[in-house]
Amino acid sequence: MTNNQIVDRETWLQARLTLLEQEKAFTRARDELSEARRRLPWVRVEQDYTFDSEAGVETLADLFAGRSQLVVQHFMYAPGWQEGCKSCSFWADNLSGALPHLAARDVTLVAVSQAPWVDFAGFKERMGWRVHWVSSASGQFSHDYHVWYTPEQIAAGDTFYNYRDGFHYGEHSPGFSVFVKGEDGAVYHTYSCYARGLDMLNGAYHVLDMVPKGRDEQDLPANMAWLHLHDSYPA
């Protein structure tokens, strides 16, 4: 923790008002950025992607569940894993309670992983998540949206992650993608984000950003080395 100056209430208030102006400027800049994001052009999805789930085989259009907007969490869960990625789980914890609110605004949120559905069904139950979670193992969806690579691709440097050639976090990487159903009934890809672009979707991190110690990760061997699954923290 930094050695913050100790002051009287009036001095604190003046410092807080100065920061408030910075916060307001940031909020306005964020609003402008969000509007620019919504103005991005769309790409029609031509591939017939299918997914396996407890409901059987579903198409990408099926995942919308009757709504016009779809957000996909690319959840890192490889075939044979006994547990999901801790960081993806951290994000899923933050989003699970938002599902009814998103649905009220015409948005469906689903998780997609490369592992077969039977591999992560028990983990989903353990975590208590209500999100619809499907497997992309039968097709190229996770590959086409740049979150899954074969060992051969990695060895050849033939990867593309966070809009950089040759970059990756391994065979599986985290991300979010957004799709919309147009008035013509077609599905369009509108947005994807990866790496630090995922920060905005984690409310717990933003709470940590408000406290004196912040995220307190600067002395760790990796940013999220402190992280556990929510049922696995020491007492």
C-alpha atoms as a PDB file:
ATOM      1  CA  MET A   1       0.000   0.000   0.000  1.00  0.00           C
ATOM      2  CA  THR A   2       1.275   3.494  -0.824  1.00  0.00           C
ATOM      3  CA  ASN A   3       2.129   5.993   1.892  1.00  0.00           C
ATOM      4  CA  ASN A   4      -0.839   8.284   1.391  1.00  0.00           C
ATOM      5  CA  GLN A   5      -0.852  11.761   2.898  1.00  0.00           C
ATOM      6  CA  ILE A   6      -3.104  12.203   5.944  1.00  0.00           C
ATOM      7  CA  VAL A   7      -5.099  15.449   5.683  1.00  0.00           C
ATOM      8  CA  ASP A   8      -8.155  17.212   7.095  1.00  0.00           C
ATOM      9  CA  ARG A   9     -11.613  16.753   5.539  1.00  0.00           C
ATOM     10  CA  GLU A  10     -11.559  20.019   3.567  1.00  0.00           C
ATOM     11  CA  THR A  11      -8.200  19.216   1.961  1.00  0.00           C
ATOM     12  CA  TRP A  12      -9.493  15.737   1.117  1.00  0.00           C
ATOM     13  CA  LEU A  13     -12.613  17.250  -0.459  1.00  0.00           C
ATOM     14  CA  GLN A  14     -10.560  19.487  -2.743  1.00  0.00           C
ATOM     15  CA  ALA A  15      -8.470  16.515  -3.876  1.00  0.00           C
ATOM     16  CA  ARG A  16     -11.633  14.494  -4.418  1.00  0.00           C
ATOM     17  CA  LEU A  17     -13.189  17.236  -6.562  1.00  0.00           C
ATOM     18  CA  THR A  18     -10.068  17.324  -8.728  1.00  0.00           C
ATOM     19  CA  LEU A  19     -10.310  13.568  -9.228  1.00  0.00           C
ATOM     20  CA  LEU A  20     -14.041  13.902  -9.939  1.00  0.00           C
ATOM     21  CA  GLU A  21     -13.282  16.045 -12.971  1.00  0.00           C
ATOM     22  CA  GLN A  22     -10.934  13.319 -14.234  1.00  0.00           C
ATOM     23  CA  GLU A  23     -13.618  10.694 -13.602  1.00  0.00           C
ATOM     24  CA  LYS A  24     -16.211  12.711 -15.507  1.00  0.00           C
ATOM     25  CA  ALA A  25     -13.828  13.117 -18.446  1.00  0.00           C
ATOM     26  CA  PHE A  26     -13.213   9.367 -18.395  1.00  0.00           C
ATOM     27  CA  THR A  27     -16.959   8.663 -18.325  1.00  0.00           C
ATOM     28  CA  ARG A  28     -17.550  10.937 -21.314  1.00  0.00           C
ATOM     29  CA  ALA A  29     -14.665   9.311 -23.197  1.00  0.00           C
ATOM     30  CA  ARG A  30     -16.037   5.869 -22.344  1.00  0.00           C
ATOM     31  CA  ASP A  31     -19.491   6.853 -23.638  1.00  0.00           C
ATOM     32  CA  GLU A  32     -17.917   8.007 -26.904  1.00  0.00           C
ATOM     33  CA  LEU A  33     -15.944   4.757 -27.173  1.00  0.00           C
ATOM     34  CA  SER A  34     -19.082   2.697 -26.520  1.00  0.00           C
ATOM     35  CA  GLU A  35     -20.913   4.565 -29.252  1.00  0.00           C
ATOM     36  CA  ALA A  36     -18.031   3.958 -31.670  1.00  0.00           C
ATOM     37  CA  ARG A  37     -18.169   0.258 -30.768  1.00  0.00           C
ATOM     38  CA  ARG A  38     -21.882   0.135 -31.576  1.00  0.00           C
ATOM     39  CA  ARG A  39     -21.216   1.801 -34.936  1.00  0.00           C
ATOM     40  CA  LEU A  40     -18.802  -0.908 -36.093  1.00  0.00           C
ATOM     41  CA  PRO A  41     -19.809  -2.569 -39.376  1.00  0.00           C
ATOM     42  CA  TRP A  42     -21.266  -6.076 -39.243  1.00  0.00           C
ATOM     43  CA  VAL A  43     -20.053  -9.280 -40.906  1.00  0.00           C
ATOM     44  CA  ARG A  44     -22.620 -11.836 -42.010  1.00  0.00           C
ATOM     45  CA  VAL A  45     -21.934 -15.287 -40.534  1.00  0.00           C
ATOM     46  CA  GLU A  46     -21.998 -17.641 -43.500  1.00  0.00           C
ATOM     47  CA  GLN A  47     -20.833 -20.804 -41.724  1.00  0.00           C
ATOM     48  CA  ASP A  48     -23.370 -23.285 -40.366  1.00  0.00           C
ATOM     49  CA  TYR A  49     -21.945 -23.573 -36.858  1.00  0.00           C
ATOM     50  CA  THR A  50     -23.412 -26.224 -34.572  1.00  0.00           C
ATOM     51  CA  PHE A  51     -22.908 -26.806 -30.848  1.00  0.00           C
ATOM     52  CA  ASP A  52     -23.571 -29.677 -28.452  1.00  0.00           C
ATOM     53  CA  SER A  53     -25.345 -29.089 -25.140  1.00  0.00           C
ATOM     54  CA  GLU A  54     -27.749 -30.666 -22.681  1.00  0.00           C
ATOM     55  CA  ALA A  55     -30.459 -29.668 -25.170  1.00  0.00           C
ATOM     56  CA  GLY A  56     -28.808 -31.616 -27.999  1.00  0.00           C
ATOM     57  CA  VAL A  57     -27.396 -30.097 -31.184  1.00  0.00           C
ATOM     58  CA  GLU A  58     -27.974 -26.342 -31.542  1.00  0.00           C
ATOM     59  CA  THR A  59     -27.112 -23.871 -34.259  1.00  0.00           C
ATOM     60  CA  LEU A  60     -25.646 -20.428 -33.674  1.00  0.00           C
ATOM     61  CA  ALA A  61     -29.097 -19.002 -34.414  1.00  0.00           C
ATOM     62  CA  ASP A  62     -30.600 -21.288 -31.757  1.00  0.00           C
ATOM     63  CA  LEU A  63     -28.290 -19.839 -29.109  1.00  0.00           C
ATOM     64  CA  PHE A  64     -30.101 -16.498 -29.326  1.00  0.00           C
ATOM     65  CA  ALA A  65     -33.024 -18.173 -27.491  1.00  0.00           C
ATOM     66  CA  GLY A  66     -35.576 -15.926 -29.140  1.00  0.00           C
ATOM     67  CA  ARG A  67     -33.702 -12.669 -28.595  1.00  0.00           C
ATOM     68  CA  SER A  68     -31.952 -10.530 -31.206  1.00  0.00           C
ATOM     69  CA  GLN A  69     -28.551 -10.067 -29.517  1.00  0.00           C
ATOM     70  CA  LEU A  70     -26.091 -12.747 -28.408  1.00  0.00           C
ATOM     71  CA  VAL A  71     -22.937 -12.442 -26.293  1.00  0.00           C
ATOM     72  CA  VAL A  72     -20.577 -15.428 -26.280  1.00  0.00           C
ATOM     73  CA  GLN A  73     -18.014 -15.964 -23.555  1.00  0.00           C
ATOM     74  CA  HIS A  74     -15.193 -18.000 -25.078  1.00  0.00           C
ATOM     75  CA  PHE A  75     -14.579 -20.086 -21.959  1.00  0.00           C
ATOM     76  CA  MET A  76     -11.244 -21.915 -21.712  1.00  0.00           C
ATOM     77  CA  TYR A  77     -12.068 -25.564 -21.041  1.00  0.00           C
ATOM     78  CA  ALA A  78     -10.037 -28.114 -22.979  1.00  0.00           C
ATOM     79  CA  PRO A  79     -11.011 -31.756 -23.561  1.00  0.00           C
ATOM     80  CA  GLY A  80     -10.145 -33.837 -20.524  1.00  0.00           C
ATOM     81  CA  TRP A  81      -9.899 -30.945 -18.048  1.00  0.00           C
ATOM     82  CA  GLN A  82     -11.468 -31.545 -14.632  1.00  0.00           C
ATOM     83  CA  GLU A  83     -11.982 -27.827 -13.928  1.00  0.00           C
ATOM     84  CA  GLY A  84     -12.435 -24.716 -16.022  1.00  0.00           C
ATOM     85  CA  CYS A  85      -9.945 -21.900 -16.391  1.00  0.00           C
ATOM     86  CA  LYS A  86      -9.821 -19.887 -13.141  1.00  0.00           C
ATOM     87  CA  SER A  87      -9.833 -16.513 -14.896  1.00  0.00           C
ATOM     88  CA  CYS A  88     -12.742 -17.474 -17.184  1.00  0.00           C
ATOM     89  CA  SER A  89     -14.547 -18.691 -14.061  1.00  0.00           C
ATOM     90  CA  PHE A  90     -13.863 -15.328 -12.387  1.00  0.00           C
ATOM     91  CA  TRP A  91     -15.598 -13.595 -15.278  1.00  0.00           C
ATOM     92  CA  ALA A  92     -18.449 -16.123 -15.284  1.00  0.00           C
ATOM     93  CA  ASP A  93     -19.026 -15.508 -11.558  1.00  0.00           C
ATOM     94  CA  ASN A  94     -19.387 -11.805 -12.281  1.00  0.00           C
ATOM     95  CA  LEU A  95     -21.841 -12.345 -15.127  1.00  0.00           C
ATOM     96  CA  SER A  96     -24.007 -15.174 -13.827  1.00  0.00           C
ATOM     97  CA  GLY A  97     -26.283 -12.949 -11.764  1.00  0.00           C
ATOM     98  CA  ALA A  98     -26.747 -10.548 -14.671  1.00  0.00           C
ATOM     99  CA  LEU A  99     -28.525 -13.056 -16.928  1.00  0.00           C
ATOM    100  CA  PRO A 100     -32.125 -11.935 -16.134  1.00  0.00           C
ATOM    101  CA  HIS A 101     -31.161  -8.276 -16.539  1.00  0.00           C
ATOM    102  CA  LEU A 102     -29.503  -8.947 -19.896  1.00  0.00           C
ATOM    103  CA  ALA A 103     -32.530 -10.928 -21.049  1.00  0.00           C
ATOM    104  CA  ALA A 104     -34.738  -7.968 -20.181  1.00  0.00           C
ATOM    105  CA  ARG A 105     -32.678  -5.893 -22.631  1.00  0.00           C
ATOM    106  CA  ASP A 106     -32.931  -8.441 -25.488  1.00  0.00           C
ATOM    107  CA  VAL A 107     -29.518 -10.016 -24.841  1.00  0.00           C
ATOM    108  CA  THR A 108     -28.689 -13.702 -24.408  1.00  0.00           C
ATOM    109  CA  LEU A 109     -25.344 -14.646 -22.858  1.00  0.00           C
ATOM    110  CA  VAL A 110     -23.887 -18.114 -23.447  1.00  0.00           C
ATOM    111  CA  ALA A 111     -20.544 -19.793 -22.757  1.00  0.00           C
ATOM    112  CA  VAL A 112     -18.764 -21.777 -25.468  1.00  0.00           C
ATOM    113  CA  SER A 113     -15.856 -24.176 -24.897  1.00  0.00           C
ATOM    114  CA  GLN A 114     -13.877 -26.533 -27.083  1.00  0.00           C
ATOM    115  CA  ALA A 115     -14.297 -29.491 -24.711  1.00  0.00           C
ATOM    116  CA  PRO A 116     -17.186 -31.919 -25.231  1.00  0.00           C
ATOM    117  CA  TRP A 117     -20.274 -30.899 -23.272  1.00  0.00           C
ATOM    118  CA  VAL A 118     -20.064 -33.895 -20.940  1.00  0.00           C
ATOM    119  CA  ASP A 119     -16.616 -32.730 -19.793  1.00  0.00           C
ATOM    120  CA  PHE A 120     -17.838 -29.485 -18.235  1.00  0.00           C
ATOM    121  CA  ALA A 121     -21.431 -30.330 -17.254  1.00  0.00           C
ATOM    122  CA  GLY A 122     -20.426 -31.381 -13.737  1.00  0.00           C
ATOM    123  CA  PHE A 123     -18.196 -28.333 -13.289  1.00  0.00           C
ATOM    124  CA  LYS A 124     -21.063 -26.019 -14.259  1.00  0.00           C
ATOM    125  CA  GLU A 125     -23.253 -27.666 -11.622  1.00  0.00           C
ATOM    126  CA  ARG A 126     -20.490 -27.349  -9.023  1.00  0.00           C
ATOM    127  CA  MET A 127     -20.092 -23.632  -9.749  1.00  0.00           C
ATOM    128  CA  GLY A 128     -23.848 -23.035  -9.565  1.00  0.00           C
ATOM    129  CA  TRP A 129     -23.972 -21.111 -12.841  1.00  0.00           C
ATOM    130  CA  ARG A 130     -27.236 -20.730 -14.772  1.00  0.00           C
ATOM    131  CA  VAL A 131     -25.589 -19.666 -18.026  1.00  0.00           C
ATOM    132  CA  HIS A 132     -26.279 -21.847 -21.058  1.00  0.00           C
ATOM    133  CA  TRP A 133     -22.936 -23.554 -21.802  1.00  0.00           C
ATOM    134  CA  VAL A 134     -22.301 -25.363 -25.081  1.00  0.00           C
ATOM    135  CA  SER A 135     -19.473 -27.206 -26.803  1.00  0.00           C
ATOM    136  CA  SER A 136     -17.879 -26.150 -30.083  1.00  0.00           C
ATOM    137  CA  ALA A 137     -15.894 -29.408 -30.359  1.00  0.00           C
ATOM    138  CA  SER A 138     -17.754 -30.559 -33.468  1.00  0.00           C
ATOM    139  CA  GLY A 139     -16.809 -27.534 -35.562  1.00  0.00           C
ATOM    140  CA  GLN A 140     -14.517 -24.588 -36.199  1.00  0.00           C
ATOM    141  CA  PHE A 141     -16.315 -21.864 -34.256  1.00  0.00           C
ATOM    142  CA  SER A 142     -13.645 -21.437 -31.555  1.00  0.00           C
ATOM    143  CA  HIS A 143     -10.918 -21.532 -34.188  1.00  0.00           C
ATOM    144  CA  ASP A 144     -12.648 -19.005 -36.441  1.00  0.00           C
ATOM    145  CA  TYR A 145     -13.079 -16.551 -33.553  1.00  0.00           C
ATOM    146  CA  HIS A 146      -9.404 -16.906 -32.616  1.00  0.00           C
ATOM    147  CA  VAL A 147      -9.544 -18.589 -29.210  1.00  0.00           C
ATOM    148  CA  TRP A 148      -8.434 -22.119 -30.092  1.00  0.00           C
ATOM    149  CA  TYR A 149      -5.352 -23.291 -32.024  1.00  0.00           C
ATOM    150  CA  THR A 150      -3.921 -26.699 -32.833  1.00  0.00           C
ATOM    151  CA  PRO A 151      -0.400 -27.588 -31.632  1.00  0.00           C
ATOM    152  CA  GLU A 152       0.662 -27.548 -35.278  1.00  0.00           C
ATOM    153  CA  GLN A 153      -0.545 -23.965 -35.716  1.00  0.00           C
ATOM    154  CA  ILE A 154       1.296 -22.870 -32.597  1.00  0.00           C
ATOM    155  CA  ALA A 155       4.502 -24.588 -33.714  1.00  0.00           C
ATOM    156  CA  ALA A 156       4.256 -22.870 -37.114  1.00  0.00           C
ATOM    157  CA  GLY A 157       3.493 -19.459 -35.586  1.00  0.00           C
ATOM    158  CA  ASP A 158       0.172 -19.506 -37.409  1.00  0.00           C
ATOM    159  CA  THR A 159      -1.929 -17.876 -34.681  1.00  0.00           C
ATOM    160  CA  PHE A 160      -3.922 -14.662 -34.464  1.00  0.00           C
ATOM    161  CA  TYR A 161      -5.048 -13.397 -31.056  1.00  0.00           C
ATOM    162  CA  ASN A 162      -6.150  -9.949 -29.888  1.00  0.00           C
ATOM    163  CA  TYR A 163      -5.693  -8.814 -33.497  1.00  0.00           C
ATOM    164  CA  ARG A 164      -1.992  -9.707 -33.567  1.00  0.00           C
ATOM    165  CA  ASP A 165      -0.416 -12.309 -35.840  1.00  0.00           C
ATOM    166  CA  GLY A 166       1.677 -14.935 -34.081  1.00  0.00           C
ATOM    167  CA  PHE A 167       0.360 -14.116 -30.601  1.00  0.00           C
ATOM    168  CA  HIS A 168      -1.485 -16.573 -28.328  1.00  0.00           C
ATOM    169  CA  TYR A 169      -1.819 -17.731 -24.719  1.00  0.00           C
ATOM    170  CA  GLY A 170      -1.669 -21.408 -25.648  1.00  0.00           C
ATOM    171  CA  GLU A 171      -4.082 -23.749 -27.389  1.00  0.00           C
ATOM    172  CA  HIS A 172      -7.013 -22.025 -25.659  1.00  0.00           C
ATOM    173  CA  SER A 173      -7.479 -18.301 -25.006  1.00  0.00           C
ATOM    174  CA  PRO A 174     -10.239 -16.166 -23.434  1.00  0.00           C
ATOM    175  CA  GLY A 175     -12.499 -13.739 -25.240  1.00  0.00           C
ATOM    176  CA  PHE A 176     -16.023 -12.457 -25.826  1.00  0.00           C
ATOM    177  CA  SER A 177     -17.868 -12.161 -29.138  1.00  0.00           C
ATOM    178  CA  VAL A 178     -21.117 -10.414 -29.981  1.00  0.00           C
ATOM    179  CA  PHE A 179     -23.675 -11.380 -32.615  1.00  0.00           C
ATOM    180  CA  VAL A 180     -26.995  -9.948 -33.761  1.00  0.00           C
ATOM    181  CA  LYS A 181     -29.929 -11.244 -35.764  1.00  0.00           C
ATOM    182  CA  GLY A 182     -30.790  -8.817 -38.521  1.00  0.00           C
ATOM    183  CA  GLU A 183     -34.289  -8.024 -39.728  1.00  0.00           C
ATOM    184  CA  ASP A 184     -33.536 -10.400 -42.612  1.00  0.00           C
ATOM    185  CA  GLY A 185     -33.124 -13.261 -40.117  1.00  0.00           C
ATOM    186  CA  ALA A 186     -29.399 -13.630 -40.822  1.00  0.00           C
ATOM    187  CA  VAL A 187     -26.801 -13.723 -38.040  1.00  0.00           C
ATOM    188  CA  TYR A 188     -24.067 -11.081 -38.021  1.00  0.00           C
ATOM    189  CA  HIS A 189     -20.837 -10.804 -36.047  1.00  0.00           C
ATOM    190  CA  THR A 190     -20.510  -7.291 -34.607  1.00  0.00           C
ATOM    191  CA  TYR A 191     -17.671  -7.320 -32.065  1.00  0.00           C
ATOM    192  CA  SER A 192     -15.020  -9.407 -30.307  1.00  0.00           C
ATOM    193  CA  CYS A 193     -12.596  -8.510 -27.525  1.00  0.00           C
ATOM    194  CA  TYR A 194      -9.702 -10.334 -25.911  1.00  0.00           C
ATOM    195  CA  ALA A 195      -6.956  -9.971 -23.267  1.00  0.00           C
ATOM    196  CA  ARG A 196      -7.246  -6.632 -21.378  1.00  0.00           C
ATOM    197  CA  GLY A 197     -10.314  -5.839 -23.463  1.00  0.00           C
ATOM    198  CA  LEU A 198     -12.169  -8.194 -21.106  1.00  0.00           C
ATOM    199  CA  ASP A 199     -11.573  -5.933 -18.081  1.00  0.00           C
ATOM    200  CA  MET A 200     -14.782  -3.994 -18.617  1.00  0.00           C
ATOM    201  CA  LEU A 201     -16.804  -7.196 -18.092  1.00  0.00           C
ATOM    202  CA  ASN A 202     -15.478  -7.961 -14.596  1.00  0.00           C
ATOM    203  CA  GLY A 203     -17.239  -5.977 -11.884  1.00  0.00           C
ATOM    204  CA  ALA A 204     -15.094  -7.413  -9.069  1.00  0.00           C
ATOM    205  CA  TYR A 205     -11.963  -5.930 -10.613  1.00  0.00           C
ATOM    206  CA  HIS A 206     -13.633  -2.520 -10.759  1.00  0.00           C
ATOM    207  CA  VAL A 207     -14.481  -2.786  -7.051  1.00  0.00           C
ATOM    208  CA  LEU A 208     -10.824  -3.582  -6.364  1.00  0.00           C
ATOM    209  CA  ASP A 209      -9.849  -0.535  -8.420  1.00  0.00           C
ATOM    210  CA  MET A 210     -11.673   1.634  -5.835  1.00  0.00           C
ATOM    211  CA  VAL A 211      -9.922   0.368  -2.695  1.00  0.00           C
ATOM    212  CA  PRO A 212      -6.514   1.588  -1.436  1.00  0.00           C
ATOM    213  CA  LYS A 213      -4.598  -1.573  -2.375  1.00  0.00           C
ATOM    214  CA  GLY A 214      -6.211  -1.758  -5.814  1.00  0.00           C
ATOM    215  CA  ARG A 215      -5.813  -5.106  -7.550  1.00  0.00           C
ATOM    216  CA  ASP A 216      -2.584  -5.616  -5.599  1.00  0.00           C
ATOM    217  CA  GLU A 217      -1.081  -7.816  -8.295  1.00  0.00           C
ATOM    218  CA  GLN A 218       2.123  -5.964  -9.058  1.00  0.00           C
ATOM    219  CA  ASP A 219       4.375  -8.252  -6.976  1.00  0.00           C
ATOM    220  CA  LEU A 220       2.826 -11.539  -8.098  1.00  0.00           C
ATOM    221  CA  PRO A 221       4.504 -13.865 -10.613  1.00  0.00           C
ATOM    222  CA  ALA A 222       1.408 -13.424 -12.821  1.00  0.00           C
ATOM    223  CA  ASN A 223      -1.444 -10.952 -12.556  1.00  0.00           C
ATOM    224  CA  MET A 224      -4.034 -13.446 -11.371  1.00  0.00           C
ATOM    225  CA  ALA A 225      -1.770 -15.772  -9.396  1.00  0.00           C
ATOM    226  CA  TRP A 226      -3.932 -15.046  -6.327  1.00  0.00           C
ATOM    227  CA  LEU A 227      -7.096 -16.275  -8.020  1.00  0.00           C
ATOM    228  CA  HIS A 228      -9.006 -19.432  -6.978  1.00  0.00           C
ATOM    229  CA  LEU A 229     -12.302 -20.931  -8.039  1.00  0.00           C
ATOM    230  CA  HIS A 230     -14.938 -19.365  -5.810  1.00  0.00           C
ATOM    231  CA  ASP A 231     -15.344 -22.550  -3.730  1.00  0.00           C
ATOM    232  CA  SER A 232     -11.601 -23.119  -3.313  1.00  0.00           C
ATOM    233  CA  TYR A 233     -10.285 -20.129  -1.342  1.00  0.00           C
ATOM    234  CA  PRO A 234      -8.583 -20.898   1.988  1.00  0.00           C
ATOM    235  CA  ALA A 235     -10.955 -20.516   4.935  1.00  0.00           C
END
